[in-house]
């Protein structure tokens, strides 16, 4: 499902959506999935546009 969400800007095939529910997930899980996709997309775009420094120290080798 994640692949189709990314490739089709959220427009997934009905059978993919139904398979998600058939695996025991509910509407709340779908919204949680959407929240994760939104957060990841936002942070990826924010970094790509701004190139801001990472806000934690790098791990020493």
N, C-alpha and C. Protein backbone atom coordinates (compact mmCIF):
# COMPACT_ATOMS: atom_id res chain seq x y z
N UNK A 1 0.82 -1.19 0.00
CA UNK A 1 0.00 0.00 0.00
C UNK A 1 0.87 1.25 0.00
N UNK A 2 1.93 1.24 0.76
CA UNK A 2 2.79 2.42 0.85
C UNK A 2 3.35 2.78 -0.52
N UNK A 3 3.71 1.78 -1.30
CA UNK A 3 4.27 2.04 -2.62
C UNK A 3 3.24 2.76 -3.50
N UNK A 4 2.00 2.29 -3.49
CA UNK A 4 0.98 2.95 -4.30
C UNK A 4 0.67 4.35 -3.80
N UNK A 5 0.66 4.54 -2.50
CA UNK A 5 0.42 5.88 -1.96
C UNK A 5 1.48 6.84 -2.48
N UNK A 6 2.72 6.40 -2.46
CA UNK A 6 3.83 7.26 -2.92
C UNK A 6 3.77 7.48 -4.43
N UNK A 7 3.51 6.42 -5.17
CA UNK A 7 3.53 6.53 -6.63
C UNK A 7 2.30 7.22 -7.21
N UNK A 8 1.17 7.11 -6.52
CA UNK A 8 -0.07 7.64 -7.06
C UNK A 8 -0.63 8.81 -6.25
N UNK A 9 0.23 9.43 -5.46
CA UNK A 9 -0.17 10.59 -4.64
C UNK A 9 -1.43 10.32 -3.83
N UNK A 10 -1.49 9.13 -3.23
CA UNK A 10 -2.60 8.79 -2.35
C UNK A 10 -3.74 8.03 -3.00
N UNK A 11 -3.76 7.98 -4.31
CA UNK A 11 -4.84 7.27 -5.01
C UNK A 11 -4.45 5.81 -5.19
N UNK A 12 -4.91 4.97 -4.27
CA UNK A 12 -4.57 3.55 -4.34
C UNK A 12 -5.72 2.77 -4.95
N UNK A 13 -5.39 1.60 -5.46
CA UNK A 13 -6.42 0.73 -6.02
C UNK A 13 -7.33 0.22 -4.91
N UNK A 14 -8.59 0.04 -5.24
CA UNK A 14 -9.58 -0.42 -4.25
C UNK A 14 -9.18 -1.76 -3.65
N UNK A 15 -8.62 -2.66 -4.46
CA UNK A 15 -8.24 -3.97 -3.93
C UNK A 15 -7.08 -3.86 -2.93
N UNK A 16 -6.21 -2.89 -3.11
CA UNK A 16 -5.11 -2.68 -2.16
C UNK A 16 -5.67 -2.18 -0.83
N UNK A 17 -6.60 -1.25 -0.92
CA UNK A 17 -7.24 -0.72 0.30
C UNK A 17 -7.99 -1.83 1.03
N UNK A 18 -8.72 -2.62 0.29
CA UNK A 18 -9.48 -3.70 0.91
C UNK A 18 -8.56 -4.75 1.52
N UNK A 19 -7.43 -5.02 0.89
CA UNK A 19 -6.46 -5.97 1.44
C UNK A 19 -5.93 -5.48 2.78
N UNK A 20 -5.74 -4.17 2.91
CA UNK A 20 -5.32 -3.57 4.17
C UNK A 20 -6.33 -3.90 5.27
N UNK A 21 -7.60 -3.68 4.97
CA UNK A 21 -8.66 -3.96 5.95
C UNK A 21 -8.82 -5.47 6.17
N UNK A 22 -8.64 -6.25 5.14
CA UNK A 22 -8.77 -7.70 5.27
C UNK A 22 -7.69 -8.29 6.18
N UNK A 23 -6.59 -7.60 6.32
CA UNK A 23 -5.52 -8.06 7.20
C UNK A 23 -5.79 -7.71 8.66
N UNK A 24 -6.95 -7.11 8.92
CA UNK A 24 -7.34 -6.83 10.30
C UNK A 24 -7.17 -5.39 10.73
N UNK A 25 -6.66 -4.55 9.83
CA UNK A 25 -6.51 -3.14 10.17
C UNK A 25 -7.85 -2.43 10.04
N UNK A 26 -8.00 -1.35 10.80
CA UNK A 26 -9.24 -0.59 10.75
C UNK A 26 -8.98 0.84 10.26
N UNK A 27 -10.02 1.66 10.28
CA UNK A 27 -9.90 3.04 9.79
C UNK A 27 -8.90 3.83 10.62
N UNK A 28 -8.82 3.54 11.92
CA UNK A 28 -7.85 4.24 12.78
C UNK A 28 -6.42 3.91 12.33
N UNK A 29 -6.16 2.66 12.01
CA UNK A 29 -4.83 2.26 11.52
C UNK A 29 -4.52 2.94 10.20
N UNK A 30 -5.54 3.09 9.36
CA UNK A 30 -5.33 3.77 8.08
C UNK A 30 -4.95 5.23 8.31
N UNK A 31 -5.59 5.87 9.26
CA UNK A 31 -5.25 7.27 9.57
C UNK A 31 -3.86 7.37 10.19
N UNK A 32 -3.49 6.39 11.01
CA UNK A 32 -2.13 6.38 11.57
C UNK A 32 -1.10 6.21 10.46
N UNK A 33 -1.39 5.34 9.52
CA UNK A 33 -0.51 5.15 8.36
C UNK A 33 -0.36 6.47 7.60
N UNK A 34 -1.47 7.14 7.37
CA UNK A 34 -1.44 8.42 6.66
C UNK A 34 -0.62 9.46 7.44
N UNK A 35 -0.74 9.46 8.75
CA UNK A 35 0.03 10.40 9.56
C UNK A 35 1.53 10.16 9.40
N UNK A 36 1.94 8.90 9.37
CA UNK A 36 3.36 8.58 9.19
C UNK A 36 3.83 9.01 7.81
N UNK A 37 3.04 8.71 6.78
CA UNK A 37 3.40 9.11 5.41
C UNK A 37 3.54 10.63 5.33
N UNK A 38 2.61 11.35 5.94
CA UNK A 38 2.63 12.81 5.93
C UNK A 38 3.88 13.35 6.63
N UNK A 39 4.20 12.80 7.78
CA UNK A 39 5.37 13.26 8.53
C UNK A 39 6.66 13.01 7.75
N UNK A 40 6.78 11.83 7.17
CA UNK A 40 7.99 11.51 6.41
C UNK A 40 8.09 12.40 5.18
N UNK A 41 7.00 12.58 4.49
CA UNK A 41 7.00 13.43 3.29
C UNK A 41 7.38 14.86 3.66
N UNK A 42 6.80 15.39 4.72
CA UNK A 42 7.10 16.74 5.16
C UNK A 42 8.58 16.90 5.48
N UNK A 43 9.13 15.98 6.27
CA UNK A 43 10.53 16.13 6.65
C UNK A 43 11.46 15.97 5.45
N UNK A 44 11.12 15.07 4.54
CA UNK A 44 11.93 14.93 3.33
C UNK A 44 11.91 16.20 2.49
N UNK A 45 10.74 16.76 2.30
CA UNK A 45 10.62 18.00 1.52
C UNK A 45 11.30 19.17 2.23
N UNK A 46 11.11 19.27 3.53
CA UNK A 46 11.73 20.36 4.29
C UNK A 46 13.24 20.32 4.16
N UNK A 47 13.82 19.14 4.29
CA UNK A 47 15.26 19.04 4.16
C UNK A 47 15.70 19.35 2.72
N UNK A 48 14.99 18.79 1.75
CA UNK A 48 15.36 19.00 0.35
C UNK A 48 15.34 20.48 -0.02
N UNK A 49 14.39 21.21 0.53
CA UNK A 49 14.27 22.63 0.20
C UNK A 49 15.24 23.52 0.97
N UNK A 50 15.53 23.15 2.22
CA UNK A 50 16.30 24.05 3.08
C UNK A 50 17.73 23.61 3.34
N UNK A 51 17.99 22.32 3.25
CA UNK A 51 19.30 21.76 3.59
C UNK A 51 19.74 22.16 4.99
N UNK A 52 18.77 22.25 5.91
CA UNK A 52 19.08 22.62 7.29
C UNK A 52 19.97 21.56 7.93
N UNK A 53 20.79 21.98 8.87
CA UNK A 53 21.64 21.04 9.58
C UNK A 53 20.79 20.09 10.42
N UNK A 54 21.29 18.88 10.58
CA UNK A 54 20.64 17.92 11.46
C UNK A 54 20.75 18.45 12.88
N UNK A 55 19.69 18.30 13.67
CA UNK A 55 19.67 18.94 14.99
C UNK A 55 20.21 18.06 16.11
N UNK A 56 21.03 17.11 15.79
CA UNK A 56 21.67 16.33 16.82
C UNK A 56 23.12 16.09 16.41
N UNK A 57 24.01 15.87 17.39
CA UNK A 57 25.42 15.71 17.03
C UNK A 57 25.65 14.39 16.29
N UNK A 58 26.60 14.42 15.36
CA UNK A 58 26.96 13.21 14.65
C UNK A 58 27.66 12.24 15.59
N UNK A 59 27.50 10.97 15.34
CA UNK A 59 28.14 9.94 16.14
C UNK A 59 29.61 9.85 15.72
N UNK A 60 30.48 9.82 16.71
CA UNK A 60 31.91 9.69 16.41
C UNK A 60 32.21 8.29 15.90
N UNK A 61 33.16 8.21 14.97
CA UNK A 61 33.55 6.88 14.43
C UNK A 61 34.42 6.13 15.41
